Amino acid sequence: MLCIMGFGLIWVVNYIREKTKFIYMISATQFYFTSNRDKTGEASVMAGIMISYFKHAGSIALGSLLHTFVTILRIIVDALVDAAEGKGN
């Protein structure tokens, strides 16, 4: 049960991190594409939040699930490398 809860915690943390990145990427993209030589562009953070929560929540969750698998794999490999180096000395 502890492993499942640890996995879920890592997944939730990755989900929040990825959603935050997605929101500020949407805001930066809106600012970039509404700017030109004559005027400075505008960006809406709320539009990014709406898009991330209502259109792309599943995609962000799947991506953070994949990042969670990679994170768990890295933890396991690092532990194995540390154990192998400790036995070699």
N, C-alpha and C. Protein backbone atom coordinates (compact mmCIF):
# COMPACT_ATOMS: atom_id res chain seq x y z
N MET A 1 0.83 -1.19 0.00
CA MET A 1 0.00 0.00 0.00
C MET A 1 0.87 1.25 0.00
N LEU A 2 2.00 1.18 0.69
CA LEU A 2 2.91 2.32 0.74
C LEU A 2 3.47 2.63 -0.64
N CYS A 3 3.77 1.59 -1.41
CA CYS A 3 4.29 1.80 -2.77
C CYS A 3 3.24 2.45 -3.66
N ILE A 4 2.00 2.03 -3.54
CA ILE A 4 0.93 2.60 -4.34
C ILE A 4 0.71 4.06 -3.96
N MET A 5 0.75 4.37 -2.68
CA MET A 5 0.58 5.75 -2.25
C MET A 5 1.76 6.62 -2.68
N GLY A 6 2.96 6.07 -2.63
CA GLY A 6 4.14 6.80 -3.11
C GLY A 6 4.04 7.07 -4.60
N PHE A 7 3.62 6.06 -5.35
CA PHE A 7 3.43 6.23 -6.80
C PHE A 7 2.39 7.31 -7.08
N GLY A 8 1.27 7.27 -6.35
CA GLY A 8 0.21 8.28 -6.52
C GLY A 8 0.69 9.68 -6.17
N LEU A 9 1.49 9.79 -5.13
CA LEU A 9 2.01 11.09 -4.74
C LEU A 9 2.94 11.66 -5.82
N ILE A 10 3.80 10.81 -6.35
CA ILE A 10 4.70 11.27 -7.41
C ILE A 10 3.90 11.68 -8.64
N TRP A 11 2.84 10.91 -8.95
CA TRP A 11 2.00 11.23 -10.10
C TRP A 11 1.29 12.58 -9.92
N VAL A 12 0.75 12.83 -8.74
CA VAL A 12 0.05 14.09 -8.49
C VAL A 12 1.02 15.27 -8.56
N VAL A 13 2.21 15.11 -7.99
CA VAL A 13 3.20 16.19 -8.04
C VAL A 13 3.61 16.46 -9.50
N ASN A 14 3.83 15.40 -10.28
CA ASN A 14 4.15 15.58 -11.69
C ASN A 14 3.00 16.23 -12.45
N TYR A 15 1.77 15.86 -12.12
CA TYR A 15 0.60 16.44 -12.78
C TYR A 15 0.52 17.94 -12.52
N ILE A 16 0.72 18.34 -11.27
CA ILE A 16 0.66 19.77 -10.94
C ILE A 16 1.78 20.52 -11.64
N ARG A 17 2.98 19.94 -11.66
CA ARG A 17 4.12 20.58 -12.32
C ARG A 17 3.87 20.74 -13.82
N GLU A 18 3.36 19.68 -14.46
CA GLU A 18 3.12 19.74 -15.90
C GLU A 18 1.98 20.69 -16.25
N LYS A 19 0.94 20.72 -15.41
CA LYS A 19 -0.17 21.64 -15.68
C LYS A 19 0.28 23.09 -15.56
N THR A 20 1.13 23.37 -14.59
CA THR A 20 1.65 24.72 -14.42
C THR A 20 2.49 25.13 -15.63
N LYS A 21 3.34 24.23 -16.10
CA LYS A 21 4.14 24.51 -17.30
C LYS A 21 3.23 24.76 -18.50
N PHE A 22 2.19 23.96 -18.64
CA PHE A 22 1.27 24.11 -19.76
C PHE A 22 0.58 25.47 -19.72
N ILE A 23 0.17 25.90 -18.54
CA ILE A 23 -0.52 27.19 -18.41
C ILE A 23 0.39 28.34 -18.79
N TYR A 24 1.64 28.34 -18.32
CA TYR A 24 2.48 29.48 -18.69
C TYR A 24 2.98 29.38 -20.11
N MET A 25 3.02 28.20 -20.71
CA MET A 25 3.35 28.11 -22.13
C MET A 25 2.21 28.67 -22.99
N ILE A 26 0.97 28.41 -22.61
CA ILE A 26 -0.16 28.98 -23.35
C ILE A 26 -0.14 30.50 -23.24
N SER A 27 0.14 31.03 -22.05
CA SER A 27 0.18 32.48 -21.87
C SER A 27 1.29 33.10 -22.69
N ALA A 28 2.46 32.49 -22.70
CA ALA A 28 3.57 33.02 -23.49
C ALA A 28 3.26 32.95 -24.99
N THR A 29 2.60 31.90 -25.41
CA THR A 29 2.23 31.76 -26.82
C THR A 29 1.21 32.82 -27.23
N GLN A 30 0.23 33.07 -26.39
CA GLN A 30 -0.76 34.12 -26.68
C GLN A 30 -0.08 35.48 -26.78
N PHE A 31 0.83 35.75 -25.86
CA PHE A 31 1.54 37.03 -25.89
C PHE A 31 2.35 37.16 -27.17
N TYR A 32 3.04 36.09 -27.55
CA TYR A 32 3.90 36.13 -28.74
C TYR A 32 3.08 36.36 -30.01
N PHE A 33 1.97 35.64 -30.15
CA PHE A 33 1.22 35.72 -31.40
C PHE A 33 0.29 36.92 -31.47
N THR A 34 0.09 37.65 -30.39
CA THR A 34 -0.69 38.89 -30.47
C THR A 34 0.21 40.12 -30.53
N SER A 35 1.51 39.94 -30.47
CA SER A 35 2.45 41.05 -30.56
C SER A 35 2.83 41.30 -32.02
N ASN A 36 3.12 42.56 -32.31
CA ASN A 36 3.71 42.93 -33.60
C ASN A 36 4.56 44.18 -33.40
N ARG A 37 5.01 44.77 -34.48
CA ARG A 37 5.88 45.95 -34.34
C ARG A 37 5.16 47.14 -33.73
N ASP A 38 3.88 47.25 -33.98
CA ASP A 38 3.14 48.43 -33.55
C ASP A 38 2.65 48.36 -32.11
N LYS A 39 2.36 47.16 -31.62
CA LYS A 39 1.82 47.08 -30.26
C LYS A 39 2.35 45.85 -29.54
N THR A 40 2.36 45.97 -28.23
CA THR A 40 2.75 44.84 -27.39
C THR A 40 1.53 43.94 -27.22
N GLY A 41 1.77 42.65 -27.26
CA GLY A 41 0.68 41.69 -27.20
C GLY A 41 0.06 41.58 -25.82
N GLU A 42 -0.98 40.78 -25.76
CA GLU A 42 -1.69 40.53 -24.51
C GLU A 42 -1.75 39.03 -24.28
N ALA A 43 -1.80 38.65 -23.03
CA ALA A 43 -1.92 37.24 -22.68
C ALA A 43 -2.90 37.10 -21.52
N SER A 44 -3.64 36.01 -21.54
CA SER A 44 -4.60 35.74 -20.48
C SER A 44 -4.23 34.44 -19.79
N VAL A 45 -3.89 34.55 -18.52
CA VAL A 45 -3.58 33.37 -17.74
C VAL A 45 -4.85 32.54 -17.52
N MET A 46 -5.97 33.21 -17.36
CA MET A 46 -7.23 32.48 -17.16
C MET A 46 -7.59 31.63 -18.37
N ALA A 47 -7.27 32.10 -19.56
CA ALA A 47 -7.53 31.29 -20.75
C ALA A 47 -6.67 30.03 -20.71
N GLY A 48 -5.44 30.16 -20.27
CA GLY A 48 -4.56 28.99 -20.13
C GLY A 48 -5.09 28.02 -19.09
N ILE A 49 -5.61 28.54 -18.00
CA ILE A 49 -6.18 27.68 -16.96
C ILE A 49 -7.42 26.95 -17.48
N MET A 50 -8.27 27.67 -18.19
CA MET A 50 -9.48 27.05 -18.75
C MET A 50 -9.11 25.94 -19.74
N ILE A 51 -8.15 26.21 -20.61
CA ILE A 51 -7.75 25.21 -21.60
C ILE A 51 -7.13 24.00 -20.92
N SER A 52 -6.29 24.24 -19.92
CA SER A 52 -5.63 23.11 -19.26
C SER A 52 -6.60 22.26 -18.45
N TYR A 53 -7.62 22.87 -17.85
CA TYR A 53 -8.56 22.11 -17.04
C TYR A 53 -9.64 21.42 -17.87
N PHE A 54 -10.10 22.07 -18.94
CA PHE A 54 -11.25 21.54 -19.65
C PHE A 54 -10.93 20.85 -20.97
N LYS A 55 -9.84 21.20 -21.62
CA LYS A 55 -9.53 20.58 -22.91
C LYS A 55 -8.41 19.55 -22.81
N HIS A 56 -7.39 19.82 -22.03
CA HIS A 56 -6.19 19.01 -22.06
C HIS A 56 -5.87 18.32 -20.74
N ALA A 57 -6.82 18.18 -19.85
CA ALA A 57 -6.55 17.56 -18.55
C ALA A 57 -6.13 16.11 -18.71
N GLY A 58 -6.77 15.37 -19.60
CA GLY A 58 -6.41 13.98 -19.81
C GLY A 58 -5.03 13.81 -20.43
N SER A 59 -4.71 14.67 -21.37
CA SER A 59 -3.39 14.61 -22.00
C SER A 59 -2.29 14.92 -20.99
N ILE A 60 -2.54 15.91 -20.15
CA ILE A 60 -1.56 16.27 -19.12
C ILE A 60 -1.43 15.14 -18.11
N ALA A 61 -2.54 14.51 -17.75
CA ALA A 61 -2.50 13.39 -16.80
C ALA A 61 -1.73 12.21 -17.38
N LEU A 62 -1.95 11.90 -18.66
CA LEU A 62 -1.23 10.80 -19.30
C LEU A 62 0.27 11.11 -19.39
N GLY A 63 0.60 12.34 -19.75
CA GLY A 63 2.00 12.73 -19.82
C GLY A 63 2.68 12.66 -18.46
N SER A 64 1.98 13.08 -17.42
CA SER A 64 2.57 13.01 -16.09
C SER A 64 2.65 11.57 -15.59
N LEU A 65 1.75 10.69 -16.06
CA LEU A 65 1.87 9.27 -15.74
C LEU A 65 3.14 8.69 -16.36
N LEU A 66 3.40 9.05 -17.60
CA LEU A 66 4.63 8.59 -18.25
C LEU A 66 5.87 9.14 -17.54
N HIS A 67 5.83 10.40 -17.12
CA HIS A 67 6.94 10.97 -16.37
C HIS A 67 7.10 10.28 -15.02
N THR A 68 6.00 9.84 -14.43
CA THR A 68 6.07 9.11 -13.17
C THR A 68 6.77 7.76 -13.36
N PHE A 69 6.43 7.05 -14.44
CA PHE A 69 7.11 5.79 -14.73
C PHE A 69 8.61 6.00 -14.90
N VAL A 70 8.98 7.06 -15.61
CA VAL A 70 10.40 7.36 -15.82
C VAL A 70 11.07 7.71 -14.49
N THR A 71 10.39 8.48 -13.66
CA THR A 71 10.94 8.85 -12.35
C THR A 71 11.16 7.62 -11.48
N ILE A 72 10.18 6.72 -11.43
CA ILE A 72 10.30 5.49 -10.63
C ILE A 72 11.45 4.64 -11.17
N LEU A 73 11.54 4.53 -12.49
CA LEU A 73 12.62 3.76 -13.10
C LEU A 73 13.98 4.36 -12.76
N ARG A 74 14.08 5.67 -12.77
CA ARG A 74 15.35 6.33 -12.41
C ARG A 74 15.70 6.08 -10.95
N ILE A 75 14.71 6.11 -10.07
CA ILE A 75 14.96 5.83 -8.65
C ILE A 75 15.48 4.41 -8.47
N ILE A 76 14.85 3.46 -9.17
CA ILE A 76 15.28 2.06 -9.05
C ILE A 76 16.70 1.87 -9.59
N VAL A 77 16.98 2.45 -10.76
CA VAL A 77 18.31 2.31 -11.35
C VAL A 77 19.37 2.98 -10.48
N ASP A 78 19.07 4.16 -9.94
CA ASP A 78 20.02 4.83 -9.05
C ASP A 78 20.30 3.99 -7.81
N ALA A 79 19.27 3.36 -7.26
CA ALA A 79 19.46 2.51 -6.08
C ALA A 79 20.32 1.30 -6.43
N LEU A 80 20.09 0.71 -7.59
CA LEU A 80 20.89 -0.43 -8.02
C LEU A 80 22.35 -0.04 -8.27
N VAL A 81 22.57 1.12 -8.86
CA VAL A 81 23.94 1.59 -9.11
C VAL A 81 24.65 1.86 -7.78
N ASP A 82 23.96 2.49 -6.85
CA ASP A 82 24.56 2.75 -5.54
C ASP A 82 24.90 1.45 -4.82
N ALA A 83 24.02 0.46 -4.92
CA ALA A 83 24.28 -0.83 -4.28
C ALA A 83 25.45 -1.53 -4.95
N ALA A 84 25.56 -1.45 -6.27
CA ALA A 84 26.66 -2.09 -6.97
C ALA A 84 27.99 -1.42 -6.66
N GLU A 85 27.98 -0.11 -6.56
CA GLU A 85 29.22 0.61 -6.23
C GLU A 85 29.64 0.34 -4.80
N GLY A 86 28.69 0.18 -3.90
CA GLY A 86 29.01 -0.11 -2.51
C GLY A 86 29.61 -1.49 -2.33
N LYS A 87 29.16 -2.45 -3.11
CA LYS A 87 29.70 -3.81 -3.04
C LYS A 87 31.07 -3.90 -3.69
N GLY A 88 31.34 -3.02 -4.67
CA GLY A 88 32.63 -3.07 -5.37
C GLY A 88 33.77 -2.53 -4.55
N ASN A 89 33.52 -1.70 -3.55
CA ASN A 89 34.60 -1.10 -2.74
C ASN A 89 34.99 -1.97 -1.63
